[in-house]
Amino acid sequence: MTIINLPEDLLVEILSRVPAVSLARLRSTSRKWNTLIKYERVLAKKHSANALMHSSSLALVLIDYRLYVARFNLHGIHSNVAPSVKVTGQSSLNDTLSNNSSEEVGIRNVIHCDGLLLCSTNDNRLVVWNPCLGETRWIQPRKSYKASDFYALGYDNISSCYKILRMERFGCGIIFQTDIEIYDFTSNSWRVVVVGKSRDWVIIYGETYDMSVNGHIVIWGHTHGMSVNGVTYWLASVQILEDEDHYQPFLLSFDFSTERFGSVSLPGDVYTIPSALSVARKGQQLCMLLNGFFKSYVYYIWIASKSESTGAMSWSKFLTVWDDDIDNHYKFRQFGNGVSFLADYEKEVLLSCNKPNQYSKNIINIMGKGKYTELDHHGAKPTHVHESPTPFLFSYVPSLVQIQQGI
């Protein structure tokens, strides 16, 4: 009996433990393999669960509007063996709608959800991409997209479909009018949810802002939304009405099943400042990086857990790292233009990615307990220190999830 003739449930169990990249190659060997791997929803779901449990995730980094694989070698980091990282293997997003289908498209921003990437492009278009399967789906606007739009990709657990959130914000000061649209993959269409509703919160993105938070002046760079289990989260702030110059940071959420916004309290205390969000490389859990205000050389990573019965979110301290060398600390702390990070709990280190600055041209750093390492990585780097956009490092789990086609 050949493996393709095994009972389907046993075959699905076997294939769910094979790396997604290998399965993608297997599709080309026969029509039967292609049908099984491409259309078997149970396999895709089980494969994603196994990938998360066994931490078979990659690190991707967006540099100069192109996406690359970042491969870290942390073996022996606590035995005086220097860590290393290679940024290679550019994943090209091609414009399949163009007459020249091999033409590459610049990616301005990206959100990861279940192996799918929602990319906003330099020419203000929107595309969903599964790099593992090589599938893309260009999302046409209801009217038009704008560079200032905010997007999110998530899964509706009630309707069992993926959705896209689009927020167009306009106004002056801290009070914004917000137009909200939702794209449903099954209907292949946008629908307006809210038009022109005033909201007193703001998501920090793009330029840097000087804000007084908890009585302290801090600089916030842009932050990226993170999708976890059907909910997208952003770091945001709300104006304290009694004082126009003070803002209170909080965690903004959007649930794609209920299509409602929510707010979550931050971990830490008034002496810590939220800097960035990430997703734990093992499992689907939201992580937050906070920086001490008075102890600015100390960084805290907290991890969120959500109650299945009540839906309430709680925080636990995941990792604390610091740097004893004040000179290195100032290199690392250039967060004014934004920072992205990954936390490795087993190695007890923080992997961060930030824009080159006057202290260093390198973008990837490692900080542990009392030790800082600036990595002169091999491979792609920002071409210009000041003009290049801030690189974005994030965890990616290759998956067999198909981009749902409309009816």
Protein backbone atom coordinates (compact mmCIF):
# COMPACT_ATOMS: atom_id res chain seq x y z
CA MET A 1 0.00 0.00 0.00
CA THR A 2 1.46 3.39 -1.03
CA ILE A 3 1.10 6.39 1.26
CA ILE A 4 -1.43 8.05 -1.08
CA ASN A 5 -3.74 5.03 -0.62
CA LEU A 6 -3.78 5.19 3.16
CA PRO A 7 -7.07 6.02 4.91
CA GLU A 8 -7.71 9.74 4.58
CA ASP A 9 -7.76 10.47 8.33
CA LEU A 10 -4.39 8.75 8.79
CA LEU A 11 -2.95 10.52 5.74
CA VAL A 12 -4.12 13.90 7.05
CA GLU A 13 -2.52 13.16 10.43
CA ILE A 14 0.81 12.33 8.75
CA LEU A 15 0.82 15.30 6.40
CA SER A 16 -0.15 17.71 9.19
CA ARG A 17 3.31 17.14 10.69
CA VAL A 18 5.21 17.86 7.48
CA PRO A 19 6.58 21.42 7.01
CA ALA A 20 4.29 23.56 4.87
CA VAL A 21 7.08 24.41 2.42
CA SER A 22 7.66 20.70 1.73
CA LEU A 23 3.94 20.09 1.23
CA ALA A 24 3.76 22.98 -1.21
CA ARG A 25 6.46 21.30 -3.31
CA LEU A 26 4.63 17.96 -3.09
CA ARG A 27 1.58 19.46 -4.80
CA SER A 28 3.38 19.48 -8.14
CA THR A 29 4.09 15.72 -8.12
CA SER A 30 0.57 14.57 -9.02
CA ARG A 31 -3.00 15.77 -9.42
CA LYS A 32 -4.14 13.66 -6.47
CA TRP A 33 -1.51 15.16 -4.13
CA ASN A 34 -2.40 18.65 -5.34
CA THR A 35 -6.12 18.12 -4.69
CA LEU A 36 -5.54 16.70 -1.24
CA ILE A 37 -3.13 19.39 -0.06
CA LYS A 38 -4.87 22.32 -1.72
CA TYR A 39 -8.51 21.62 -0.88
CA GLU A 40 -8.50 19.53 2.31
CA ARG A 41 -9.66 22.03 4.96
CA VAL A 42 -9.16 19.57 7.83
CA LEU A 43 -5.51 19.19 6.81
CA ALA A 44 -4.98 22.95 6.68
CA LYS A 45 -6.52 23.44 10.13
CA LYS A 46 -4.61 20.58 11.75
CA HIS A 47 -1.37 21.62 10.07
CA SER A 48 -1.65 25.17 11.42
CA ALA A 49 -2.26 23.86 14.94
CA ASN A 50 0.78 21.55 14.77
CA ALA A 51 2.99 24.32 13.39
CA LEU A 52 2.10 26.58 16.31
CA MET A 53 2.59 23.87 18.93
CA HIS A 54 5.99 22.87 17.60
CA SER A 55 7.15 26.44 16.99
CA SER A 56 8.02 25.78 13.34
CA SER A 57 7.75 29.47 12.57
CA LEU A 58 9.97 31.77 10.60
CA ALA A 59 10.97 35.35 11.14
CA LEU A 60 10.23 37.72 8.27
CA VAL A 61 11.48 41.28 7.97
CA LEU A 62 10.21 44.06 5.73
CA ILE A 63 13.12 46.16 4.44
CA ASP A 64 12.80 48.90 1.82
CA TYR A 65 9.36 47.64 0.72
CA ARG A 66 10.60 44.07 0.17
CA LEU A 67 10.03 40.99 2.34
CA TYR A 68 12.93 38.77 3.47
CA VAL A 69 13.48 35.72 5.68
CA ALA A 70 15.55 36.39 8.82
CA ARG A 71 17.39 33.31 10.11
CA PHE A 72 18.73 33.61 13.65
CA ASN A 73 21.42 31.39 15.15
CA LEU A 74 21.29 31.70 18.93
CA HIS A 75 22.90 28.35 19.79
CA GLY A 76 25.60 28.85 22.37
CA ILE A 77 24.62 32.45 23.06
CA HIS A 78 25.16 31.85 26.78
CA SER A 79 28.44 30.01 26.18
CA ASN A 80 30.33 32.95 24.66
CA VAL A 81 29.37 31.88 21.12
CA ALA A 82 28.47 34.95 19.09
CA PRO A 83 24.90 34.94 17.74
CA SER A 84 24.31 35.61 14.06
CA VAL A 85 21.49 36.42 11.68
CA LYS A 86 21.13 36.19 7.91
CA VAL A 87 18.53 38.22 6.04
CA THR A 88 18.08 36.42 2.74
CA GLY A 89 15.56 34.75 0.47
CA GLN A 90 13.56 37.70 -0.76
CA SER A 91 9.89 36.79 -1.29
CA SER A 92 8.70 38.66 -4.36
CA LEU A 93 5.15 39.95 -4.54
CA ASN A 94 4.32 40.11 -8.23
CA ASP A 95 1.57 42.17 -9.81
CA THR A 96 -0.64 39.51 -11.41
CA LEU A 97 -3.06 42.22 -12.60
CA SER A 98 -0.38 43.90 -14.68
CA ASN A 99 0.46 43.10 -18.29
CA ASN A 100 3.91 42.29 -16.96
CA SER A 101 3.07 39.68 -14.28
CA SER A 102 6.73 39.46 -13.23
CA GLU A 103 6.77 43.09 -12.12
CA GLU A 104 7.43 43.37 -8.37
CA VAL A 105 5.23 45.46 -6.11
CA GLY A 106 6.56 47.49 -3.17
CA ILE A 107 5.00 46.61 0.21
CA ARG A 108 4.35 49.54 2.55
CA ASN A 109 2.81 47.62 5.43
CA VAL A 110 1.94 44.00 6.25
CA ILE A 111 -0.29 42.15 8.73
CA HIS A 112 0.03 38.41 9.35
CA CYS A 113 -2.93 36.12 10.11
CA ASP A 114 -2.84 32.28 9.89
CA GLY A 115 -0.11 32.24 7.25
CA LEU A 116 -1.84 34.89 5.14
CA LEU A 117 -0.29 38.33 4.66
CA LEU A 118 -2.41 41.42 4.11
CA CYS A 119 -0.16 43.86 2.24
CA SER A 120 -0.81 47.52 1.50
CA THR A 121 1.35 48.59 -1.43
CA ASN A 122 3.23 51.75 -2.30
CA ASP A 123 0.67 52.58 -4.98
CA ASN A 124 -2.24 52.33 -2.48
CA ARG A 125 -3.56 48.90 -3.36
CA LEU A 126 -4.47 45.96 -1.16
CA VAL A 127 -3.53 42.30 -1.66
CA VAL A 128 -3.78 39.11 0.40
CA TRP A 129 -0.83 36.80 -0.13
CA ASN A 130 0.13 33.29 0.96
CA PRO A 131 3.88 33.12 0.18
CA CYS A 132 4.01 29.40 0.98
CA LEU A 133 1.39 28.46 -1.65
CA GLY A 134 2.25 31.32 -4.00
CA GLU A 135 -1.36 32.53 -4.04
CA THR A 136 -2.50 36.15 -4.16
CA ARG A 137 -5.83 37.90 -4.20
CA TRP A 138 -6.04 41.58 -5.06
CA ILE A 139 -8.81 43.34 -3.14
CA GLN A 140 -10.60 46.00 -5.13
CA PRO A 141 -11.76 49.09 -3.19
CA ARG A 142 -15.36 50.20 -2.82
CA LYS A 143 -14.22 53.66 -3.91
CA SER A 144 -10.51 54.18 -3.39
CA TYR A 145 -7.73 53.47 -0.87
CA LYS A 146 -5.61 56.13 0.82
CA ALA A 147 -2.09 56.01 2.23
CA SER A 148 -3.46 57.10 5.62
CA ASP A 149 -5.88 54.15 5.89
CA PHE A 150 -5.53 51.54 8.64
CA TYR A 151 -6.13 47.88 7.80
CA ALA A 152 -6.52 44.63 9.69
CA LEU A 153 -6.97 40.99 8.68
CA GLY A 154 -8.78 38.53 10.92
CA TYR A 155 -10.97 35.45 11.08
CA ASP A 156 -14.69 35.40 11.86
CA ASN A 157 -15.18 32.29 14.00
CA ILE A 158 -18.96 32.52 13.67
CA SER A 159 -19.19 32.77 9.88
CA SER A 160 -15.96 30.76 9.34
CA CYS A 161 -14.44 33.24 6.92
CA TYR A 162 -11.65 35.81 6.73
CA LYS A 163 -12.43 39.52 6.78
CA ILE A 164 -10.56 42.79 6.25
CA LEU A 165 -11.13 45.92 8.30
CA ARG A 166 -10.48 49.31 6.70
CA MET A 167 -10.47 52.54 8.74
CA GLU A 168 -10.32 55.93 7.09
CA ARG A 169 -9.67 58.65 9.62
CA PHE A 170 -9.92 62.38 9.11
CA GLY A 171 -10.15 65.43 11.33
CA CYS A 172 -7.88 67.68 13.32
CA GLY A 173 -6.40 67.44 16.76
CA ILE A 174 -7.02 64.26 18.71
CA ILE A 175 -10.72 63.92 17.78
CA PHE A 176 -11.19 62.01 14.55
CA GLN A 177 -14.09 61.11 12.33
CA THR A 178 -13.86 57.47 11.32
CA ASP A 179 -15.29 55.68 8.30
CA ILE A 180 -15.18 51.91 8.74
CA GLU A 181 -15.64 49.25 6.06
CA ILE A 182 -15.42 45.47 6.24
CA TYR A 183 -14.52 43.19 3.35
CA ASP A 184 -15.99 39.68 3.44
CA PHE A 185 -14.06 37.03 1.50
CA THR A 186 -17.14 34.89 0.87
CA SER A 187 -19.19 37.69 -0.70
CA ASN A 188 -16.16 39.33 -2.33
CA SER A 189 -17.44 42.78 -1.39
CA TRP A 190 -17.08 45.69 1.03
CA ARG A 191 -19.85 46.94 3.28
CA VAL A 192 -19.94 50.15 5.27
CA VAL A 193 -20.21 49.64 9.02
CA VAL A 194 -19.72 53.14 10.42
CA VAL A 195 -19.66 56.52 8.68
CA GLY A 196 -18.24 59.61 10.34
CA LYS A 197 -18.44 58.54 13.97
CA SER A 198 -16.29 60.58 16.35
CA ARG A 199 -13.68 58.62 18.28
CA ASP A 200 -11.29 60.16 20.77
CA TRP A 201 -8.52 57.58 20.38
CA VAL A 202 -5.66 57.56 17.94
CA ILE A 203 -3.44 54.76 16.67
CA ILE A 204 0.15 55.91 16.54
CA TYR A 205 1.53 55.28 13.09
CA GLY A 206 3.79 57.05 10.61
CA GLU A 207 5.50 60.09 12.07
CA THR A 208 6.82 60.28 15.61
CA TYR A 209 4.84 62.01 18.32
CA ASP A 210 5.83 63.70 21.57
CA MET A 211 3.21 62.77 24.15
CA SER A 212 2.78 63.26 27.85
CA VAL A 213 1.87 59.83 29.19
CA ASN A 214 1.27 59.29 32.90
CA GLY A 215 2.96 62.64 33.50
CA HIS A 216 6.06 61.77 31.45
CA ILE A 217 7.04 63.06 28.01
CA VAL A 218 7.68 60.10 25.70
CA ILE A 219 8.23 59.68 21.99
CA TRP A 220 6.09 57.11 20.22
CA GLY A 221 6.97 55.85 16.79
CA HIS A 222 4.61 53.92 14.57
CA THR A 223 3.14 50.66 15.80
CA HIS A 224 1.84 47.68 13.84
CA GLY A 225 -1.43 45.87 14.40
CA MET A 226 -1.16 42.22 15.50
CA SER A 227 -3.74 39.56 14.70
CA VAL A 228 -4.33 36.80 17.27
CA ASN A 229 -7.18 34.26 17.15
CA GLY A 230 -9.57 36.41 15.12
CA VAL A 231 -8.84 39.67 16.96
CA THR A 232 -6.49 42.47 15.88
CA TYR A 233 -4.75 44.65 18.46
CA TRP A 234 -3.06 48.07 18.25
CA LEU A 235 -1.28 50.30 20.73
CA ALA A 236 -3.36 53.45 20.94
CA SER A 237 -3.88 56.44 23.18
CA VAL A 238 -6.84 58.46 24.36
CA GLN A 239 -6.83 62.09 25.38
CA ILE A 240 -7.41 62.84 29.05
CA LEU A 241 -10.23 65.37 28.86
CA GLU A 242 -9.09 67.33 31.91
CA ASP A 243 -5.74 68.04 30.28
CA GLU A 244 -5.40 68.51 26.53
CA ASP A 245 -1.66 67.77 26.65
CA HIS A 246 -1.94 64.39 28.38
CA TYR A 247 -2.80 61.06 26.82
CA GLN A 248 -3.50 57.67 28.31
CA PRO A 249 -2.16 54.66 26.39
CA PHE A 250 -4.30 51.55 26.06
CA LEU A 251 -4.65 48.44 23.93
CA LEU A 252 -7.27 48.81 21.19
CA SER A 253 -8.87 45.63 19.82
CA PHE A 254 -11.22 44.68 17.00
CA ASP A 255 -13.08 41.35 17.11
CA PHE A 256 -13.92 40.09 13.62
CA SER A 257 -16.62 37.73 14.93
CA THR A 258 -18.64 40.46 16.66
CA GLU A 259 -17.30 43.31 14.49
CA ARG A 260 -16.81 45.47 17.55
CA PHE A 261 -13.97 47.54 18.99
CA GLY A 262 -12.81 47.04 22.54
CA SER A 263 -10.15 48.25 24.94
CA VAL A 264 -7.80 46.25 27.11
CA SER A 265 -5.83 47.50 30.10
CA LEU A 266 -2.07 47.53 29.77
CA PRO A 267 0.27 45.45 31.92
CA GLY A 268 2.98 46.98 34.07
CA ASP A 269 2.53 50.20 36.04
CA VAL A 270 2.69 53.97 35.60
CA TYR A 271 6.47 53.77 35.41
CA THR A 272 6.55 51.64 32.26
CA ILE A 273 5.81 52.83 28.73
CA PRO A 274 4.38 50.51 26.00
CA SER A 275 6.62 50.38 22.92
CA ALA A 276 5.47 47.61 20.56
CA LEU A 277 3.37 44.47 20.07
CA SER A 278 4.35 41.04 18.81
CA VAL A 279 3.05 37.45 18.73
CA ALA A 280 4.77 34.68 20.67
CA ARG A 281 6.68 32.42 18.28
CA LYS A 282 5.31 29.34 20.04
CA GLY A 283 1.54 29.44 20.07
CA GLN A 284 -0.82 32.29 19.32
CA GLN A 285 -0.39 34.73 22.20
CA LEU A 286 -0.06 38.48 22.15
CA CYS A 287 3.17 39.95 23.54
CA MET A 288 3.89 43.54 24.55
CA LEU A 289 7.24 45.28 24.99
CA LEU A 290 7.41 47.93 27.70
CA ASN A 291 10.29 50.20 28.65
CA GLY A 292 10.96 51.47 32.16
CA PHE A 293 10.73 55.25 32.43
CA PHE A 294 13.06 55.82 35.35
CA LYS A 295 14.95 52.57 34.63
CA SER A 296 15.18 53.20 30.91
CA TYR A 297 17.80 50.48 30.45
CA VAL A 298 15.27 47.80 31.49
CA TYR A 299 12.77 46.23 29.08
CA TYR A 300 9.81 44.07 30.02
CA ILE A 301 7.97 41.61 27.81
CA TRP A 302 4.48 40.65 28.96
CA ILE A 303 2.34 37.90 27.42
CA ALA A 304 -1.48 37.87 27.29
CA SER A 305 -3.83 35.01 28.07
CA LYS A 306 -7.53 35.03 27.25
CA SER A 307 -10.14 33.17 29.27
CA GLU A 308 -12.17 30.81 27.09
CA SER A 309 -15.23 31.16 29.34
CA THR A 310 -15.33 34.92 29.94
CA GLY A 311 -13.08 36.28 27.18
CA ALA A 312 -11.26 38.42 29.75
CA MET A 313 -7.59 39.06 29.08
CA SER A 314 -4.90 38.77 31.74
CA TRP A 315 -1.17 39.51 31.60
CA SER A 316 1.87 37.72 32.97
CA LYS A 317 5.48 38.87 32.85
CA PHE A 318 7.22 36.84 30.14
CA LEU A 319 10.76 38.17 30.21
CA THR A 320 12.84 40.99 31.68
CA VAL A 321 16.07 42.08 30.00
CA TRP A 322 18.47 44.94 30.57
CA ASP A 323 21.76 46.37 29.48
CA ASP A 324 24.53 47.26 31.94
CA ASP A 325 26.48 49.25 29.32
CA ILE A 326 24.98 52.73 29.05
CA ASP A 327 26.57 53.38 25.63
CA ASN A 328 24.98 50.28 24.13
CA HIS A 329 21.73 51.16 25.83
CA TYR A 330 21.48 54.43 23.94
CA LYS A 331 22.09 52.62 20.66
CA PHE A 332 19.34 50.13 21.41
CA ARG A 333 16.80 52.64 22.64
CA GLN A 334 16.35 54.56 19.42
CA PHE A 335 12.65 53.76 19.31
CA GLY A 336 11.52 57.15 18.06
CA ASN A 337 10.92 55.81 14.55
CA GLY A 338 9.31 52.60 15.77
CA VAL A 339 10.53 49.19 16.83
CA SER A 340 9.47 45.59 16.23
CA PHE A 341 10.56 42.60 18.26
CA LEU A 342 10.52 38.87 18.93
CA ALA A 343 11.03 37.30 22.35
CA ASP A 344 12.86 33.99 22.80
CA TYR A 345 11.86 32.69 26.21
CA GLU A 346 14.12 29.60 26.13
CA LYS A 347 17.24 31.69 25.37
CA GLU A 348 15.93 34.54 27.55
CA VAL A 349 16.69 37.20 24.95
CA LEU A 350 14.86 39.97 23.17
CA LEU A 351 15.35 40.29 19.40
CA SER A 352 14.57 43.80 18.20
CA CYS A 353 14.55 45.57 14.87
CA ASN A 354 14.70 49.32 14.48
CA LYS A 355 15.73 51.97 12.00
CA PRO A 356 19.43 52.83 11.58
CA ASN A 357 20.39 55.92 13.53
CA GLN A 358 23.30 58.19 14.32
CA TYR A 359 24.74 55.57 16.66
CA SER A 360 24.60 52.54 14.40
CA LYS A 361 23.73 51.46 10.87
CA ASN A 362 22.67 48.00 12.01
CA ILE A 363 18.97 47.27 12.46
CA ILE A 364 18.84 44.00 14.46
CA ASN A 365 19.85 43.78 18.11
CA ILE A 366 19.80 41.16 20.85
CA MET A 367 19.42 42.00 24.51
CA GLY A 368 19.60 39.50 27.37
CA LYS A 369 20.04 39.77 31.10
CA GLY A 370 22.72 42.41 31.44
CA LYS A 371 24.09 42.03 27.91
CA TYR A 372 23.49 43.78 24.60
CA THR A 373 24.64 42.57 21.18
CA GLU A 374 24.38 44.56 17.98
CA LEU A 375 24.26 42.21 15.01
CA ASP A 376 26.07 43.15 11.81
CA HIS A 377 23.82 40.84 9.85
CA HIS A 378 24.50 39.36 6.44
CA GLY A 379 22.12 40.07 3.59
CA ALA A 380 19.64 42.82 2.84
CA LYS A 381 19.90 46.13 4.71
CA PRO A 382 18.18 49.50 4.38
CA THR A 383 19.76 51.40 1.51
CA HIS A 384 19.48 54.82 3.17
CA VAL A 385 19.79 55.58 6.87
CA HIS A 386 17.34 58.50 6.88
CA GLU A 387 15.13 57.98 3.83
CA SER A 388 14.42 54.25 4.20
CA PRO A 389 11.26 53.25 6.12
CA THR A 390 11.60 51.55 9.48
CA PRO A 391 12.15 47.78 9.01
CA PHE A 392 9.48 45.51 10.46
CA LEU A 393 10.38 42.13 12.03
CA PHE A 394 7.62 39.62 12.76
CA SER A 395 6.98 35.93 13.31
CA TYR A 396 5.45 34.01 10.41
CA VAL A 397 4.00 30.48 10.38
CA PRO A 398 3.90 28.99 6.83
CA SER A 399 0.51 27.41 6.30
CA LEU A 400 -1.73 25.66 3.80
CA VAL A 401 -4.60 28.10 4.37
CA GLN A 402 -6.12 28.98 1.03
CA ILE A 403 -7.18 32.48 0.17
CA GLN A 404 -10.95 32.13 0.08
CA GLN A 405 -12.46 32.95 -3.27
CA GLY A 406 -15.75 34.77 -3.54
CA ILE A 407 -18.99 33.08 -4.47
